Amino acid sequence: MIPTLWLLLVAILLIALAEWALRRRALHRTRDWNTPPLFPPDRQARRIVVLGDSIAYGYGLDPTQAWPHLLAARLQHTYAQQRWQVINASVAGHTVGDAYLRFAEHVIAAKPHLVLIAFGINDCRRVWRMNDARRMKIFAQHEQSWWGRSYLLRGLVNRLHPLPRATVVNETALAPTPRIPLPIFWQMLSWLGRQSRRYGVQPALLTLTPIHPHPDYYHTHEFLDWEEYTNAIRQIARSEDIPLIEISHTFPSDQAWMPDGVHLSAQGQQMIADRVWASLQRPSLADLLHIPLPVANAEMAPSLD
């Protein structure tokens, strides 16, 4: 009886060690995601991770013109009494499905105080990409099954039932539906928020950046679901009790966009930085970041007019 008990205890210990090792390996895995340069977390600084797509990446611009860099510069200038680190973990073309795959190495590994989650532009876009189905299947198998929470069982099941192979990213000019269907977008974005809190990170959701309102811009037909996804982000923020940062109201000048009517010029990036900055003055986020509250309530959030 005693040897059997010892064997059982040793087996449990080995399983626990294997689970720990696989989980740690996933957390510290590094892959080339084409992010801006990611510097090691500064443990003495107030850390903010920006997890986003080409808008936050600063597509077509110098990295210093992207709104995360502008936000970091403003924090350092205005609140110089403490150290700041804004890590821009954004990748052009990415959706919440891609964010799910790189969440551990780009958010949890940095152990930030705040993660700004800015997705939806690519998710709602009516084009087709080969890897999206693979992303969604991985999420369903790992997060919506009884065995998926175990890294050990994940490896076993994936060997028995291999996932679709990763492929070169391709897209067509137009597809009849968004890249990430709205119900799955809802599930994945909610997961990002809950998983952040699970690891002690405060999430905040950003609404979609505005698309140029003029119908002649050649990309606008791909974003027919823009408003529906923007409203979904607002509803997710309410249902999950996550702070919401409104950046979706349109710009006063055509100069805020690049010629495609989707990506932002340096002027548009500055406007987004201003809107995010104003939202960080809200009591919940200001307390988290040790930011003194503004004198006037009008400064706490951008106008939606």
Protein backbone atom coordinates (compact mmCIF):
# COMPACT_ATOMS: atom_id res chain seq x y z
CA MET A 1 0.00 0.00 0.00
CA ILE A 2 2.75 2.45 0.95
CA PRO A 3 4.82 1.89 -2.24
CA THR A 4 1.67 2.40 -4.31
CA LEU A 5 0.96 5.66 -2.52
CA TRP A 6 4.52 6.83 -3.08
CA LEU A 7 4.31 5.98 -6.77
CA LEU A 8 1.06 7.94 -7.02
CA LEU A 9 2.62 10.95 -5.29
CA VAL A 10 5.70 10.80 -7.54
CA ALA A 11 3.46 10.58 -10.61
CA ILE A 12 1.44 13.62 -9.47
CA LEU A 13 4.65 15.53 -8.79
CA LEU A 14 6.07 14.68 -12.23
CA ILE A 15 2.84 15.76 -13.92
CA ALA A 16 2.85 19.02 -11.96
CA LEU A 17 6.49 19.67 -12.89
CA ALA A 18 5.80 18.95 -16.56
CA GLU A 19 2.80 21.29 -16.51
CA TRP A 20 4.87 24.02 -14.85
CA ALA A 21 7.71 23.61 -17.34
CA LEU A 22 5.41 23.73 -20.37
CA ARG A 23 3.56 26.75 -19.03
CA ARG A 24 6.84 28.55 -18.30
CA ARG A 25 8.15 27.70 -21.76
CA ALA A 26 5.02 29.17 -23.35
CA LEU A 27 5.33 32.31 -21.22
CA HIS A 28 8.96 32.97 -22.16
CA ARG A 29 8.86 31.83 -25.77
CA THR A 30 10.10 34.53 -28.13
CA ARG A 31 9.15 34.66 -31.79
CA ASP A 32 9.52 37.24 -34.50
CA TRP A 33 6.14 38.94 -34.63
CA ASN A 34 7.41 42.07 -36.43
CA THR A 35 6.68 44.29 -33.48
CA PRO A 36 8.57 47.53 -32.88
CA PRO A 37 11.73 46.88 -30.80
CA LEU A 38 10.62 45.43 -27.45
CA PHE A 39 12.87 46.42 -24.56
CA PRO A 40 13.09 44.34 -21.34
CA PRO A 41 10.55 45.41 -18.71
CA ASP A 42 11.83 48.12 -16.38
CA ARG A 43 10.72 46.82 -12.99
CA GLN A 44 11.23 50.24 -11.40
CA ALA A 45 8.88 51.96 -13.87
CA ARG A 46 5.13 52.25 -14.26
CA ARG A 47 4.66 49.92 -17.20
CA ILE A 48 2.01 50.13 -19.91
CA VAL A 49 1.77 47.61 -22.75
CA VAL A 50 -0.04 48.62 -25.93
CA LEU A 51 -1.40 45.50 -27.62
CA GLY A 52 -2.70 46.52 -31.00
CA ASP A 53 -2.55 46.45 -34.78
CA SER A 54 -1.13 48.67 -37.52
CA ILE A 55 -2.69 51.83 -36.10
CA ALA A 56 -0.82 51.55 -32.79
CA TYR A 57 2.22 50.19 -34.64
CA GLY A 58 2.41 53.42 -36.61
CA TYR A 59 2.22 51.87 -40.06
CA GLY A 60 4.04 53.95 -42.67
CA LEU A 61 5.52 56.33 -40.09
CA ASP A 62 8.67 56.67 -38.06
CA PRO A 63 8.21 54.70 -34.79
CA THR A 64 8.50 57.93 -32.81
CA GLN A 65 5.32 59.19 -34.51
CA ALA A 66 3.13 56.30 -33.34
CA TRP A 67 0.68 57.22 -30.60
CA PRO A 68 2.19 54.83 -27.97
CA HIS A 69 5.54 56.63 -28.31
CA LEU A 70 3.81 60.03 -28.11
CA LEU A 71 1.94 58.88 -25.00
CA ALA A 72 5.19 57.72 -23.38
CA ALA A 73 6.90 61.04 -24.11
CA ARG A 74 4.00 62.97 -22.60
CA LEU A 75 3.93 60.81 -19.46
CA GLN A 76 7.67 61.24 -18.98
CA HIS A 77 7.47 65.00 -19.49
CA THR A 78 4.37 65.64 -17.37
CA TYR A 79 5.02 63.21 -14.54
CA ALA A 80 8.79 63.19 -14.43
CA GLN A 81 8.79 62.36 -10.72
CA GLN A 82 8.31 58.68 -11.60
CA ARG A 83 9.69 56.39 -14.27
CA TRP A 84 7.55 55.26 -17.19
CA GLN A 85 7.81 52.52 -19.75
CA VAL A 86 5.34 52.16 -22.61
CA ILE A 87 5.95 48.92 -24.51
CA ASN A 88 4.42 48.98 -27.98
CA ALA A 89 3.62 45.32 -28.68
CA SER A 90 1.56 46.08 -31.78
CA VAL A 91 1.78 44.29 -35.12
CA ALA A 92 0.41 45.46 -38.46
CA GLY A 93 -2.41 43.29 -39.76
CA HIS A 94 -3.12 41.55 -36.46
CA THR A 95 -6.50 40.59 -35.00
CA VAL A 96 -7.60 39.42 -31.57
CA GLY A 97 -6.74 35.91 -32.78
CA ASP A 98 -3.10 36.89 -33.19
CA ALA A 99 -3.21 38.74 -29.86
CA TYR A 100 -4.41 35.55 -28.20
CA LEU A 101 -1.37 33.63 -29.48
CA ARG A 102 1.19 36.21 -28.36
CA PHE A 103 -0.52 37.36 -25.18
CA ALA A 104 1.79 35.48 -22.82
CA GLU A 105 5.07 36.73 -24.26
CA HIS A 106 3.95 40.29 -24.95
CA VAL A 107 1.77 41.04 -21.93
CA ILE A 108 2.22 38.54 -19.11
CA ALA A 109 6.00 38.37 -19.47
CA ALA A 110 6.21 42.18 -19.15
CA LYS A 111 3.98 42.22 -16.02
CA PRO A 112 2.65 45.69 -16.82
CA HIS A 113 0.39 47.74 -14.58
CA LEU A 114 -1.90 48.47 -17.53
CA VAL A 115 -2.50 46.90 -20.95
CA LEU A 116 -4.23 48.99 -23.61
CA ILE A 117 -6.00 46.57 -25.98
CA ALA A 118 -6.65 48.11 -29.39
CA PHE A 119 -8.10 45.67 -31.93
CA GLY A 120 -11.04 45.54 -34.29
CA ILE A 121 -9.96 47.30 -37.48
CA ASN A 122 -8.60 44.08 -39.00
CA ASP A 123 -11.16 41.86 -37.28
CA CYS A 124 -14.11 43.63 -38.92
CA ARG A 125 -12.39 43.94 -42.29
CA ARG A 126 -14.04 42.02 -45.11
CA VAL A 127 -11.01 40.30 -46.56
CA TRP A 128 -9.83 36.71 -46.35
CA ARG A 129 -6.64 35.52 -44.67
CA MET A 130 -5.61 31.89 -44.48
CA ASN A 131 -4.31 31.94 -40.91
CA ASP A 132 -7.48 33.34 -39.32
CA ALA A 133 -9.21 29.94 -39.30
CA ARG A 134 -6.19 28.42 -37.59
CA ARG A 135 -6.19 31.14 -34.92
CA MET A 136 -9.87 30.57 -34.19
CA LYS A 137 -9.46 26.80 -34.02
CA ILE A 138 -6.55 27.10 -31.58
CA PHE A 139 -8.63 29.38 -29.37
CA ALA A 140 -11.61 26.99 -29.45
CA GLN A 141 -9.48 23.94 -28.62
CA HIS A 142 -7.42 25.57 -25.88
CA GLU A 143 -9.95 27.86 -24.19
CA GLN A 144 -13.33 26.28 -24.86
CA SER A 145 -12.60 22.65 -23.99
CA TRP A 146 -12.28 20.88 -20.66
CA TRP A 147 -8.69 19.86 -21.39
CA GLY A 148 -7.40 23.05 -22.94
CA ARG A 149 -6.36 24.74 -19.69
CA SER A 150 -3.66 22.10 -19.21
CA TYR A 151 -0.54 22.67 -21.28
CA LEU A 152 0.30 18.99 -20.91
CA LEU A 153 -3.04 17.86 -22.33
CA ARG A 154 -2.82 20.51 -25.04
CA GLY A 155 0.40 18.98 -26.32
CA LEU A 156 -1.05 15.46 -26.21
CA VAL A 157 -4.31 16.33 -28.00
CA ASN A 158 -2.53 18.46 -30.59
CA ARG A 159 -0.31 15.51 -31.42
CA LEU A 160 -3.31 13.20 -31.82
CA HIS A 161 -5.35 15.79 -33.73
CA PRO A 162 -2.91 18.23 -35.32
CA LEU A 163 -4.01 21.80 -35.90
CA PRO A 164 -4.05 23.19 -39.45
CA ARG A 165 -0.56 24.06 -40.60
CA ALA A 166 0.57 27.66 -40.46
CA THR A 167 0.56 29.19 -43.92
CA VAL A 168 1.78 32.27 -45.70
CA VAL A 169 -0.61 35.14 -45.11
CA ASN A 170 -2.72 35.81 -48.20
CA GLU A 171 -5.74 37.97 -48.75
CA THR A 172 -8.26 38.72 -51.44
CA ALA A 173 -9.68 42.13 -52.29
CA LEU A 174 -13.01 41.41 -50.64
CA ALA A 175 -14.81 38.71 -48.68
CA PRO A 176 -18.52 38.47 -47.79
CA THR A 177 -17.87 38.38 -44.03
CA PRO A 178 -15.38 39.90 -41.56
CA ARG A 179 -12.06 38.20 -40.88
CA ILE A 180 -13.07 37.37 -37.29
CA PRO A 181 -16.84 36.84 -36.97
CA LEU A 182 -18.41 39.08 -34.34
CA PRO A 183 -19.34 36.29 -31.83
CA ILE A 184 -15.76 34.99 -31.89
CA PHE A 185 -14.36 38.52 -31.71
CA TRP A 186 -16.50 39.01 -28.59
CA GLN A 187 -15.21 35.78 -27.01
CA MET A 188 -11.56 36.51 -27.75
CA LEU A 189 -11.60 40.15 -26.65
CA SER A 190 -13.38 39.18 -23.43
CA TRP A 191 -10.73 36.50 -22.88
CA LEU A 192 -7.94 39.07 -23.26
CA GLY A 193 -9.56 41.21 -20.58
CA ARG A 194 -10.18 38.36 -18.14
CA GLN A 195 -6.75 36.84 -18.68
CA SER A 196 -5.12 40.20 -18.00
CA ARG A 197 -6.84 40.40 -14.62
CA ARG A 198 -5.99 36.79 -13.86
CA TYR A 199 -2.32 37.80 -13.93
CA GLY A 200 -2.81 41.04 -12.03
CA VAL A 201 -2.78 43.35 -15.06
CA GLN A 202 -5.44 46.05 -15.47
CA PRO A 203 -6.91 45.96 -19.00
CA ALA A 204 -8.48 48.86 -20.87
CA LEU A 205 -10.26 48.55 -24.22
CA LEU A 206 -9.98 51.07 -27.03
CA THR A 207 -12.78 51.57 -29.53
CA LEU A 208 -11.92 51.46 -33.23
CA THR A 209 -10.10 54.35 -34.82
CA PRO A 210 -12.27 56.32 -37.25
CA ILE A 211 -12.34 55.46 -40.95
CA HIS A 212 -12.42 58.36 -43.39
CA PRO A 213 -16.12 59.17 -43.93
CA HIS A 214 -15.82 59.91 -47.65
CA PRO A 215 -17.04 56.92 -49.71
CA ASP A 216 -14.50 57.44 -52.51
CA TYR A 217 -11.63 56.13 -50.42
CA TYR A 218 -10.91 52.73 -51.93
CA HIS A 219 -10.62 50.80 -48.66
CA THR A 220 -13.85 51.94 -47.02
CA HIS A 221 -16.00 49.21 -48.63
CA GLU A 222 -14.03 46.64 -46.62
CA PHE A 223 -15.16 48.19 -43.32
CA LEU A 224 -18.94 47.98 -43.57
CA ASP A 225 -19.05 46.33 -40.12
CA TRP A 226 -16.96 49.05 -38.42
CA GLU A 227 -19.82 50.46 -36.35
CA GLU A 228 -21.06 47.04 -35.23
CA TYR A 229 -17.61 46.07 -33.94
CA THR A 230 -17.14 49.44 -32.27
CA ASN A 231 -20.42 49.00 -30.41
CA ALA A 232 -19.41 45.46 -29.48
CA ILE A 233 -16.26 46.76 -27.79
CA ARG A 234 -18.38 49.16 -25.75
CA GLN A 235 -20.70 46.33 -24.70
CA ILE A 236 -17.80 44.05 -23.80
CA ALA A 237 -16.31 46.82 -21.64
CA ARG A 238 -19.62 47.15 -19.79
CA SER A 239 -20.25 43.42 -19.39
CA GLU A 240 -16.69 42.68 -18.22
CA ASP A 241 -16.36 45.92 -16.18
CA ILE A 242 -13.27 47.00 -18.14
CA PRO A 243 -12.33 50.67 -18.56
CA LEU A 244 -13.20 51.95 -22.02
CA ILE A 245 -11.19 54.52 -23.96
CA GLU A 246 -13.23 56.19 -26.70
CA ILE A 247 -11.15 57.05 -29.76
CA SER A 248 -13.73 56.32 -32.46
CA HIS A 249 -15.22 59.79 -32.99
CA THR A 250 -14.07 61.20 -36.31
CA PHE A 251 -11.28 63.68 -36.91
CA PRO A 252 -11.86 67.34 -37.76
CA SER A 253 -9.34 67.27 -40.61
CA ASP A 254 -8.75 65.07 -43.66
CA GLN A 255 -5.04 65.41 -42.93
CA ALA A 256 -5.40 62.93 -40.08
CA TRP A 257 -5.53 59.99 -42.50
CA MET A 258 -3.13 58.50 -45.00
CA PRO A 259 -4.35 58.22 -48.62
CA ASP A 260 -6.06 54.86 -47.92
CA GLY A 261 -8.48 56.52 -45.51
CA VAL A 262 -7.72 53.91 -42.82
CA HIS A 263 -4.18 54.34 -41.55
CA LEU A 264 -3.29 57.51 -39.73
CA SER A 265 -0.88 60.28 -40.57
CA ALA A 266 1.38 61.78 -37.94
CA GLN A 267 -1.40 64.27 -37.23
CA GLY A 268 -3.93 61.47 -36.71
CA GLN A 269 -1.55 59.61 -34.43
CA GLN A 270 -1.20 62.75 -32.30
CA MET A 271 -4.99 63.01 -32.03
CA ILE A 272 -5.24 59.40 -30.83
CA ALA A 273 -2.44 60.03 -28.31
CA ASP A 274 -4.40 63.04 -27.01
CA ARG A 275 -7.58 60.98 -26.63
CA VAL A 276 -5.81 58.17 -24.80
CA TRP A 277 -4.00 60.71 -22.61
CA ALA A 278 -7.29 62.33 -21.60
CA SER A 279 -8.80 58.95 -20.66
CA LEU A 280 -5.82 58.11 -18.45
CA GLN A 281 -6.87 61.04 -16.27
CA ARG A 282 -10.01 59.19 -15.17
CA PRO A 283 -9.92 58.26 -11.47
CA SER A 284 -9.72 54.48 -11.96
CA LEU A 285 -6.75 54.60 -14.33
CA ALA A 286 -5.15 57.67 -12.75
CA ASP A 287 -5.06 55.91 -9.37
CA LEU A 288 -3.53 52.82 -10.96
CA LEU A 289 -0.77 54.85 -12.61
CA HIS A 290 -0.32 57.26 -9.67
CA ILE A 291 -1.38 60.20 -11.85
CA PRO A 292 -2.70 63.29 -10.02
CA LEU A 293 -6.35 63.89 -10.90
CA PRO A 294 -7.04 66.92 -13.10
CA VAL A 295 -8.77 69.94 -11.63
CA ALA A 296 -11.63 69.96 -14.13
CA ASN A 297 -13.84 66.97 -14.89
CA ALA A 298 -13.94 68.11 -18.52
CA GLU A 299 -10.32 66.98 -18.84
CA MET A 300 -11.06 63.41 -17.85
CA ALA A 301 -12.29 62.16 -21.22
CA PRO A 302 -12.46 63.30 -24.82
CA SER A 303 -15.73 64.73 -26.08
CA LEU A 304 -17.82 62.46 -28.28
CA ASP A 305 -19.31 65.40 -30.18
